[in-house]
Amino acid sequence: MNKNRYLLCLLICGLMLYYAVPRLSIQAGGEQGLFSAVWLAFMLMAVAGNLTAMLYAPRRAARTQKTSIADKKKIRSYR
């Protein structure tokens, strides 16, 4: 379920980038250029964080397999 959340966040970040990048002007001087650069840096951090969390999340299949083996041993020991 967490991977779905990370994927949703990545898609939202992609939509925000698709909408905002043509409107941001890094080459502009003053506050406008600073805002554009900071906004893009924060968006890069958001994308990197969600992508890292999605790629390096622990696998659930190994957990369910270990519990099923432990459950089988419990069932056999009570018979």
Protein backbone atom coordinates (compact mmCIF):
# COMPACT_ATOMS: atom_id res chain seq x y z
CA MET A 1 0.00 0.00 0.00
CA ASN A 2 2.91 2.39 0.67
CA LYS A 3 4.25 1.84 -2.83
CA ASN A 4 0.91 3.01 -4.20
CA ARG A 5 1.20 6.17 -2.11
CA TYR A 6 4.75 6.81 -3.34
CA LEU A 7 3.66 6.25 -6.92
CA LEU A 8 0.76 8.66 -6.47
CA CYS A 9 3.11 11.29 -5.01
CA LEU A 10 5.51 10.82 -7.95
CA LEU A 11 2.65 11.27 -10.41
CA ILE A 12 1.49 14.43 -8.63
CA CYS A 13 5.06 15.78 -8.66
CA GLY A 14 5.24 15.03 -12.37
CA LEU A 15 1.99 16.87 -13.01
CA MET A 16 3.21 19.85 -10.98
CA LEU A 17 6.45 19.90 -12.96
CA TYR A 18 4.59 19.61 -16.26
CA TYR A 19 2.42 22.57 -15.32
CA ALA A 20 5.05 24.76 -13.64
CA VAL A 21 8.27 24.38 -15.65
CA PRO A 22 7.08 26.39 -18.68
CA ARG A 23 5.95 29.19 -16.36
CA LEU A 24 9.09 29.36 -14.21
CA SER A 25 11.93 31.56 -15.36
CA ILE A 26 15.26 30.79 -13.73
CA GLN A 27 17.05 33.35 -15.87
CA ALA A 28 14.90 36.19 -14.55
CA GLY A 29 16.59 38.43 -12.06
CA GLY A 30 15.66 39.16 -8.49
CA GLU A 31 13.01 37.40 -6.48
CA GLN A 32 11.39 35.70 -9.46
CA GLY A 33 14.55 33.84 -10.43
CA LEU A 34 15.30 32.94 -6.82
CA PHE A 35 11.77 31.61 -6.32
CA SER A 36 12.02 29.52 -9.50
CA ALA A 37 15.34 28.00 -8.50
CA VAL A 38 14.22 27.21 -4.94
CA TRP A 39 10.90 25.75 -6.16
CA LEU A 40 12.67 23.46 -8.63
CA ALA A 41 15.17 22.38 -5.95
CA PHE A 42 12.38 21.46 -3.53
CA MET A 43 10.54 19.58 -6.28
CA LEU A 44 13.72 17.66 -7.09
CA MET A 45 14.03 16.70 -3.41
CA ALA A 46 10.40 15.57 -3.30
CA VAL A 47 10.82 13.40 -6.40
CA ALA A 48 14.11 11.95 -5.15
CA GLY A 49 12.67 11.16 -1.72
CA ASN A 50 9.59 9.41 -3.07
CA LEU A 51 11.59 7.49 -5.66
CA THR A 52 14.12 6.38 -3.04
CA ALA A 53 11.38 5.27 -0.66
CA MET A 54 9.66 3.32 -3.41
CA LEU A 55 12.81 1.59 -4.67
CA TYR A 56 14.38 0.74 -1.32
CA ALA A 57 11.25 -0.39 0.54
CA PRO A 58 11.53 -3.86 2.12
CA ARG A 59 9.86 -6.70 0.28
CA ARG A 60 6.58 -8.02 1.68
CA ALA A 61 6.79 -11.44 0.02
CA ALA A 62 9.65 -12.54 2.26
CA ARG A 63 7.70 -11.60 5.38
CA THR A 64 4.58 -13.53 4.41
CA GLN A 65 6.61 -16.59 3.49
CA LYS A 66 8.39 -16.63 6.85
CA THR A 67 5.14 -16.31 8.78
CA SER A 68 3.52 -19.12 6.82
CA ILE A 69 6.41 -21.47 7.66
CA ALA A 70 6.16 -20.52 11.32
CA ASP A 71 2.39 -21.09 11.25
CA LYS A 72 2.87 -24.55 9.74
CA LYS A 73 5.29 -25.50 12.49
CA LYS A 74 2.82 -24.37 15.14
CA ILE A 75 0.02 -26.37 13.56
CA ARG A 76 2.17 -29.51 13.40
CA SER A 77 3.36 -29.18 16.97
CA TYR A 78 -0.17 -29.11 18.37
CA ARG A 79 -1.31 -32.29 16.63
